[in-house]
Amino acid sequence: MNEIQDYFVCDSCSNKKFSLVFNFSLRFHGVNFSDDLIYERLKEETYECTECKKAYTIRQIEERLGEFKKKHKKR
């Protein structure tokens, strides 16, 4: 059987190399039972094209990879 390999590529420049970018934050909010604020620690991951710097979420990448699966299953 032949082997097929599809790469996720940038929509803007067709580059296939990406770097992982993290954003860290704290989100503060109040609660009904206290006057004190509570917080959540958040980490956001995006993947940035190494050529044009366009950013993609993991969800966008997974959706595109899912399209590859559908395309090749139809063959």
PDB file of N, CA and C in Angstrom:
ATOM      1  N   MET A   1       0.837  -1.186   0.000  1.00  0.00           N
ATOM      2  CA  MET A   1       0.000   0.000   0.000  1.00  0.00           C
ATOM      3  C   MET A   1       0.880   1.245   0.000  1.00  0.00           C
ATOM      4  N   ASN A   2       0.465   2.236  -0.732  1.00  0.00           N
ATOM      5  CA  ASN A   2       1.197   3.500  -0.787  1.00  0.00           C
ATOM      6  C   ASN A   2       1.019   4.278   0.502  1.00  0.00           C
ATOM      7  N   GLU A   3       2.010   5.060   0.808  1.00  0.00           N
ATOM      8  CA  GLU A   3       1.945   5.909   2.004  1.00  0.00           C
ATOM      9  C   GLU A   3       1.675   7.342   1.578  1.00  0.00           C
ATOM     10  N   ILE A   4       0.764   7.990   2.289  1.00  0.00           N
ATOM     11  CA  ILE A   4       0.410   9.382   2.001  1.00  0.00           C
ATOM     12  C   ILE A   4       0.658  10.191   3.261  1.00  0.00           C
ATOM     13  N   GLN A   5       1.293  11.325   3.102  1.00  0.00           N
ATOM     14  CA  GLN A   5       1.517  12.208   4.250  1.00  0.00           C
ATOM     15  C   GLN A   5       1.100  13.616   3.876  1.00  0.00           C
ATOM     16  N   ASP A   6       0.119  14.149   4.591  1.00  0.00           N
ATOM     17  CA  ASP A   6      -0.332  15.529   4.404  1.00  0.00           C
ATOM     18  C   ASP A   6       0.165  16.355   5.578  1.00  0.00           C
ATOM     19  N   TYR A   7       0.601  17.565   5.305  1.00  0.00           N
ATOM     20  CA  TYR A   7       1.070  18.459   6.345  1.00  0.00           C
ATOM     21  C   TYR A   7       0.061  19.579   6.557  1.00  0.00           C
ATOM     22  N   PHE A   8      -0.113  19.975   7.796  1.00  0.00           N
ATOM     23  CA  PHE A   8      -0.830  21.205   8.094  1.00  0.00           C
ATOM     24  C   PHE A   8       0.086  22.329   7.644  1.00  0.00           C
ATOM     25  N   VAL A   9      -0.445  23.212   6.796  1.00  0.00           N
ATOM     26  CA  VAL A   9       0.352  24.344   6.318  1.00  0.00           C
ATOM     27  C   VAL A   9      -0.380  25.645   6.616  1.00  0.00           C
ATOM     28  N   CYS A  10       0.367  26.698   6.718  1.00  0.00           N
ATOM     29  CA  CYS A  10      -0.177  28.025   6.983  1.00  0.00           C
ATOM     30  C   CYS A  10      -1.047  28.475   5.808  1.00  0.00           C
ATOM     31  N   ASP A  11      -2.213  29.019   6.118  1.00  0.00           N
ATOM     32  CA  ASP A  11      -3.113  29.540   5.085  1.00  0.00           C
ATOM     33  C   ASP A  11      -2.491  30.683   4.304  1.00  0.00           C
ATOM     34  N   SER A  12      -1.680  31.468   4.954  1.00  0.00           N
ATOM     35  CA  SER A  12      -1.138  32.681   4.350  1.00  0.00           C
ATOM     36  C   SER A  12       0.082  32.440   3.463  1.00  0.00           C
ATOM     37  N   CYS A  13       1.011  31.599   3.940  1.00  0.00           N
ATOM     38  CA  CYS A  13       2.280  31.471   3.218  1.00  0.00           C
ATOM     39  C   CYS A  13       2.661  30.033   2.859  1.00  0.00           C
ATOM     40  N   SER A  14       1.836  29.060   3.229  1.00  0.00           N
ATOM     41  CA  SER A  14       2.060  27.630   2.935  1.00  0.00           C
ATOM     42  C   SER A  14       3.272  27.032   3.646  1.00  0.00           C
ATOM     43  N   ASN A  15       3.755  27.685   4.674  1.00  0.00           N
ATOM     44  CA  ASN A  15       4.846  27.153   5.476  1.00  0.00           C
ATOM     45  C   ASN A  15       4.317  26.011   6.339  1.00  0.00           C
ATOM     46  N   LYS A  16       5.154  25.009   6.608  1.00  0.00           N
ATOM     47  CA  LYS A  16       4.720  23.893   7.448  1.00  0.00           C
ATOM     48  C   LYS A  16       5.428  23.840   8.801  1.00  0.00           C
ATOM     49  N   LYS A  17       6.201  24.872   9.120  1.00  0.00           N
ATOM     50  CA  LYS A  17       6.904  24.907  10.407  1.00  0.00           C
ATOM     51  C   LYS A  17       6.234  25.911  11.338  1.00  0.00           C
ATOM     52  N   PHE A  18       6.021  25.482  12.584  1.00  0.00           N
ATOM     53  CA  PHE A  18       5.328  26.298  13.582  1.00  0.00           C
ATOM     54  C   PHE A  18       6.068  26.220  14.902  1.00  0.00           C
ATOM     55  N   SER A  19       5.950  27.276  15.682  1.00  0.00           N
ATOM     56  CA  SER A  19       6.504  27.256  17.029  1.00  0.00           C
ATOM     57  C   SER A  19       5.365  27.437  18.029  1.00  0.00           C
ATOM     58  N   LEU A  20       5.533  26.829  19.175  1.00  0.00           N
ATOM     59  CA  LEU A  20       4.524  26.866  20.227  1.00  0.00           C
ATOM     60  C   LEU A  20       4.700  28.143  21.038  1.00  0.00           C
ATOM     61  N   VAL A  21       3.588  28.859  21.237  1.00  0.00           N
ATOM     62  CA  VAL A  21       3.604  30.109  21.994  1.00  0.00           C
ATOM     63  C   VAL A  21       2.625  29.970  23.158  1.00  0.00           C
ATOM     64  N   PHE A  22       3.077  30.292  24.360  1.00  0.00           N
ATOM     65  CA  PHE A  22       2.240  30.225  25.553  1.00  0.00           C
ATOM     66  C   PHE A  22       1.902  31.625  26.033  1.00  0.00           C
ATOM     67  N   ASN A  23       0.686  31.791  26.522  1.00  0.00           N
ATOM     68  CA  ASN A  23       0.274  32.998  27.241  1.00  0.00           C
ATOM     69  C   ASN A  23      -0.188  32.550  28.622  1.00  0.00           C
ATOM     70  N   PHE A  24       0.260  33.226  29.650  1.00  0.00           N
ATOM     71  CA  PHE A  24      -0.115  32.885  31.020  1.00  0.00           C
ATOM     72  C   PHE A  24      -0.869  34.053  31.628  1.00  0.00           C
ATOM     73  N   SER A  25      -1.944  33.747  32.348  1.00  0.00           N
ATOM     74  CA  SER A  25      -2.724  34.820  32.971  1.00  0.00           C
ATOM     75  C   SER A  25      -3.457  34.292  34.196  1.00  0.00           C
ATOM     76  N   LEU A  26      -3.954  35.233  34.975  1.00  0.00           N
ATOM     77  CA  LEU A  26      -4.844  34.931  36.096  1.00  0.00           C
ATOM     78  C   LEU A  26      -6.152  35.650  35.824  1.00  0.00           C
ATOM     79  N   ARG A  27      -7.266  34.955  36.018  1.00  0.00           N
ATOM     80  CA  ARG A  27      -8.583  35.564  35.841  1.00  0.00           C
ATOM     81  C   ARG A  27      -9.239  35.646  37.217  1.00  0.00           C
ATOM     82  N   PHE A  28      -9.564  36.865  37.643  1.00  0.00           N
ATOM     83  CA  PHE A  28     -10.153  37.100  38.959  1.00  0.00           C
ATOM     84  C   PHE A  28     -11.652  37.318  38.823  1.00  0.00           C
ATOM     85  N   HIS A  29     -12.405  36.773  39.777  1.00  0.00           N
ATOM     86  CA  HIS A  29     -13.854  37.004  39.791  1.00  0.00           C
ATOM     87  C   HIS A  29     -14.383  36.815  41.205  1.00  0.00           C
ATOM     88  N   GLY A  30     -15.496  37.451  41.448  1.00  0.00           N
ATOM     89  CA  GLY A  30     -16.124  37.347  42.764  1.00  0.00           C
ATOM     90  C   GLY A  30     -17.031  36.136  42.853  1.00  0.00           C
ATOM     91  N   VAL A  31     -17.403  35.807  44.080  1.00  0.00           N
ATOM     92  CA  VAL A  31     -18.353  34.718  44.332  1.00  0.00           C
ATOM     93  C   VAL A  31     -19.419  35.232  45.294  1.00  0.00           C
ATOM     94  N   ASN A  32     -20.572  34.622  45.280  1.00  0.00           N
ATOM     95  CA  ASN A  32     -21.715  35.075  46.090  1.00  0.00           C
ATOM     96  C   ASN A  32     -21.469  35.009  47.590  1.00  0.00           C
ATOM     97  N   PHE A  33     -20.713  34.034  48.052  1.00  0.00           N
ATOM     98  CA  PHE A  33     -20.584  33.797  49.484  1.00  0.00           C
ATOM     99  C   PHE A  33     -19.407  34.526  50.141  1.00  0.00           C
ATOM    100  N   SER A  34     -18.671  35.358  49.391  1.00  0.00           N
ATOM    101  CA  SER A  34     -17.514  36.030  49.967  1.00  0.00           C
ATOM    102  C   SER A  34     -17.261  37.358  49.252  1.00  0.00           C
ATOM    103  N   ASP A  35     -16.674  38.296  49.996  1.00  0.00           N
ATOM    104  CA  ASP A  35     -16.274  39.564  49.382  1.00  0.00           C
ATOM    105  C   ASP A  35     -14.908  39.455  48.696  1.00  0.00           C
ATOM    106  N   ASP A  36     -14.192  38.379  48.985  1.00  0.00           N
ATOM    107  CA  ASP A  36     -12.865  38.188  48.391  1.00  0.00           C
ATOM    108  C   ASP A  36     -12.984  37.704  46.949  1.00  0.00           C
ATOM    109  N   LEU A  37     -12.008  38.083  46.173  1.00  0.00           N
ATOM    110  CA  LEU A  37     -11.933  37.588  44.800  1.00  0.00           C
ATOM    111  C   LEU A  37     -11.235  36.230  44.785  1.00  0.00           C
ATOM    112  N   ILE A  38     -11.669  35.383  43.904  1.00  0.00           N
ATOM    113  CA  ILE A  38     -10.946  34.140  43.668  1.00  0.00           C
ATOM    114  C   ILE A  38     -10.360  34.235  42.260  1.00  0.00           C
ATOM    115  N   TYR A  39      -9.407  33.367  41.976  1.00  0.00           N
ATOM    116  CA  TYR A  39      -8.771  33.453  40.663  1.00  0.00           C
ATOM    117  C   TYR A  39      -8.570  32.070  40.062  1.00  0.00           C
ATOM    118  N   GLU A  40      -8.458  32.076  38.758  1.00  0.00           N
ATOM    119  CA  GLU A  40      -8.121  30.883  38.012  1.00  0.00           C
ATOM    120  C   GLU A  40      -6.823  31.158  37.277  1.00  0.00           C
ATOM    121  N   ARG A  41      -5.975  30.183  37.249  1.00  0.00           N
ATOM    122  CA  ARG A  41      -4.723  30.291  36.503  1.00  0.00           C
ATOM    123  C   ARG A  41      -4.976  29.731  35.103  1.00  0.00           C
ATOM    124  N   LEU A  42      -4.651  30.498  34.072  1.00  0.00           N
ATOM    125  CA  LEU A  42      -4.920  30.092  32.697  1.00  0.00           C
ATOM    126  C   LEU A  42      -3.628  30.014  31.892  1.00  0.00           C
ATOM    127  N   LYS A  43      -3.589  29.038  31.013  1.00  0.00           N
ATOM    128  CA  LYS A  43      -2.470  28.903  30.078  1.00  0.00           C
ATOM    129  C   LYS A  43      -3.080  28.694  28.699  1.00  0.00           C
ATOM    130  N   GLU A  44      -2.790  29.583  27.776  1.00  0.00           N
ATOM    131  CA  GLU A  44      -3.292  29.470  26.419  1.00  0.00           C
ATOM    132  C   GLU A  44      -2.139  29.081  25.504  1.00  0.00           C
ATOM    133  N   GLU A  45      -2.377  28.106  24.643  1.00  0.00           N
ATOM    134  CA  GLU A  45      -1.362  27.668  23.696  1.00  0.00           C
ATOM    135  C   GLU A  45      -1.798  28.032  22.282  1.00  0.00           C
ATOM    136  N   THR A  46      -0.917  28.622  21.553  1.00  0.00           N
ATOM    137  CA  THR A  46      -1.145  28.859  20.133  1.00  0.00           C
ATOM    138  C   THR A  46       0.113  28.415  19.381  1.00  0.00           C
ATOM    139  N   TYR A  47      -0.073  28.149  18.124  1.00  0.00           N
ATOM    140  CA  TYR A  47       1.028  27.744  17.265  1.00  0.00           C
ATOM    141  C   TYR A  47       1.218  28.823  16.214  1.00  0.00           C
ATOM    142  N   GLU A  48       2.427  29.349  16.125  1.00  0.00           N
ATOM    143  CA  GLU A  48       2.719  30.477  15.265  1.00  0.00           C
ATOM    144  C   GLU A  48       3.596  30.032  14.096  1.00  0.00           C
ATOM    145  N   CYS A  49       3.188  30.426  12.897  1.00  0.00           N
ATOM    146  CA  CYS A  49       3.959  30.136  11.692  1.00  0.00           C
ATOM    147  C   CYS A  49       5.334  30.799  11.828  1.00  0.00           C
ATOM    148  N   THR A  50       6.374  30.049  11.522  1.00  0.00           N
ATOM    149  CA  THR A  50       7.725  30.595  11.659  1.00  0.00           C
ATOM    150  C   THR A  50       8.075  31.586  10.543  1.00  0.00           C
ATOM    151  N   GLU A  51       7.292  31.609   9.476  1.00  0.00           N
ATOM    152  CA  GLU A  51       7.548  32.542   8.377  1.00  0.00           C
ATOM    153  C   GLU A  51       6.770  33.854   8.546  1.00  0.00           C
ATOM    154  N   CYS A  52       5.429  33.766   8.550  1.00  0.00           N
ATOM    155  CA  CYS A  52       4.613  34.986   8.536  1.00  0.00           C
ATOM    156  C   CYS A  52       4.031  35.352   9.906  1.00  0.00           C
ATOM    157  N   LYS A  53       4.229  34.488  10.904  1.00  0.00           N
ATOM    158  CA  LYS A  53       3.796  34.721  12.294  1.00  0.00           C
ATOM    159  C   LYS A  53       2.281  34.620  12.499  1.00  0.00           C
ATOM    160  N   LYS A  54       1.537  34.063  11.538  1.00  0.00           N
ATOM    161  CA  LYS A  54       0.106  33.860  11.737  1.00  0.00           C
ATOM    162  C   LYS A  54      -0.081  32.792  12.814  1.00  0.00           C
ATOM    163  N   ALA A  55      -1.037  33.015  13.715  1.00  0.00           N
ATOM    164  CA  ALA A  55      -1.247  32.111  14.847  1.00  0.00           C
ATOM    165  C   ALA A  55      -2.459  31.220  14.612  1.00  0.00           C
ATOM    166  N   TYR A  56      -2.363  29.978  15.105  1.00  0.00           N
ATOM    167  CA  TYR A  56      -3.439  28.995  15.015  1.00  0.00           C
ATOM    168  C   TYR A  56      -3.654  28.369  16.384  1.00  0.00           C
ATOM    169  N   THR A  57      -4.903  28.076  16.705  1.00  0.00           N
ATOM    170  CA  THR A  57      -5.204  27.344  17.931  1.00  0.00           C
ATOM    171  C   THR A  57      -5.108  25.850  17.642  1.00  0.00           C
ATOM    172  N   ILE A  58      -4.991  25.067  18.681  1.00  0.00           N
ATOM    173  CA  ILE A  58      -4.943  23.620  18.502  1.00  0.00           C
ATOM    174  C   ILE A  58      -6.245  23.128  17.873  1.00  0.00           C
ATOM    175  N   ARG A  59      -7.345  23.782  18.178  1.00  0.00           N
ATOM    176  CA  ARG A  59      -8.638  23.405  17.601  1.00  0.00           C
ATOM    177  C   ARG A  59      -8.639  23.591  16.081  1.00  0.00           C
ATOM    178  N   GLN A  60      -8.097  24.699  15.606  1.00  0.00           N
ATOM    179  CA  GLN A  60      -8.015  24.928  14.162  1.00  0.00           C
ATOM    180  C   GLN A  60      -7.153  23.870  13.485  1.00  0.00           C
ATOM    181  N   ILE A  61      -6.058  23.513  14.120  1.00  0.00           N
ATOM    182  CA  ILE A  61      -5.170  22.496  13.557  1.00  0.00           C
ATOM    183  C   ILE A  61      -5.853  21.146  13.525  1.00  0.00           C
ATOM    184  N   GLU A  62      -6.511  20.768  14.614  1.00  0.00           N
ATOM    185  CA  GLU A  62      -7.219  19.482  14.679  1.00  0.00           C
ATOM    186  C   GLU A  62      -8.323  19.394  13.630  1.00  0.00           C
ATOM    187  N   GLU A  63      -9.033  20.494  13.405  1.00  0.00           N
ATOM    188  CA  GLU A  63     -10.090  20.500  12.386  1.00  0.00           C
ATOM    189  C   GLU A  63      -9.514  20.230  10.998  1.00  0.00           C
ATOM    190  N   ARG A  64      -8.405  20.873  10.682  1.00  0.00           N
ATOM    191  CA  ARG A  64      -7.785  20.680   9.373  1.00  0.00           C
ATOM    192  C   ARG A  64      -7.276  19.247   9.219  1.00  0.00           C
ATOM    193  N   LEU A  65      -6.678  18.698  10.274  1.00  0.00           N
ATOM    194  CA  LEU A  65      -6.205  17.315  10.212  1.00  0.00           C
ATOM    195  C   LEU A  65      -7.378  16.357  10.034  1.00  0.00           C
ATOM    196  N   GLY A  66      -8.509  16.690  10.640  1.00  0.00           N
ATOM    197  CA  GLY A  66      -9.726  15.888  10.453  1.00  0.00           C
ATOM    198  C   GLY A  66     -10.186  15.903   9.003  1.00  0.00           C
ATOM    199  N   GLU A  67     -10.029  17.034   8.334  1.00  0.00           N
ATOM    200  CA  GLU A  67     -10.376  17.128   6.915  1.00  0.00           C
ATOM    201  C   GLU A  67      -9.484  16.212   6.082  1.00  0.00           C
ATOM    202  N   PHE A  68      -8.207  16.117   6.443  1.00  0.00           N
ATOM    203  CA  PHE A  68      -7.301  15.203   5.738  1.00  0.00           C
ATOM    204  C   PHE A  68      -7.798  13.767   5.852  1.00  0.00           C
ATOM    205  N   LYS A  69      -8.226  13.377   7.061  1.00  0.00           N
ATOM    206  CA  LYS A  69      -8.712  12.010   7.282  1.00  0.00           C
ATOM    207  C   LYS A  69      -9.911  11.726   6.400  1.00  0.00           C
ATOM    208  N   LYS A  70     -10.872  12.657   6.375  1.00  0.00           N
ATOM    209  CA  LYS A  70     -12.073  12.482   5.563  1.00  0.00           C
ATOM    210  C   LYS A  70     -11.725  12.362   4.088  1.00  0.00           C
ATOM    211  N   LYS A  71     -10.811  13.210   3.639  1.00  0.00           N
ATOM    212  CA  LYS A  71     -10.431  13.224   2.229  1.00  0.00           C
ATOM    213  C   LYS A  71      -9.862  11.876   1.805  1.00  0.00           C
ATOM    214  N   HIS A  72      -9.004  11.291   2.645  1.00  0.00           N
ATOM    215  CA  HIS A  72      -8.343  10.045   2.268  1.00  0.00           C
ATOM    216  C   HIS A  72      -9.209   8.809   2.505  1.00  0.00           C
ATOM    217  N   LYS A  73     -10.187   8.905   3.389  1.00  0.00           N
ATOM    218  CA  LYS A  73     -11.101   7.787   3.591  1.00  0.00           C
ATOM    219  C   LYS A  73     -12.012   7.600   2.392  1.00  0.00           C
ATOM    220  N   LYS A  74     -12.297   8.692   1.676  1.00  0.00           N
ATOM    221  CA  LYS A  74     -13.173   8.640   0.515  1.00  0.00           C
ATOM    222  C   LYS A  74     -12.516   7.956  -0.677  1.00  0.00           C
ATOM    223  N   ARG A  75     -11.220   7.866  -0.683  1.00  0.00           N
ATOM    224  CA  ARG A  75     -10.492   7.259  -1.806  1.00  0.00           C
ATOM    225  C   ARG A  75     -10.664   5.776  -1.861  1.00  0.00           C
TER     226      ARG A  75
END
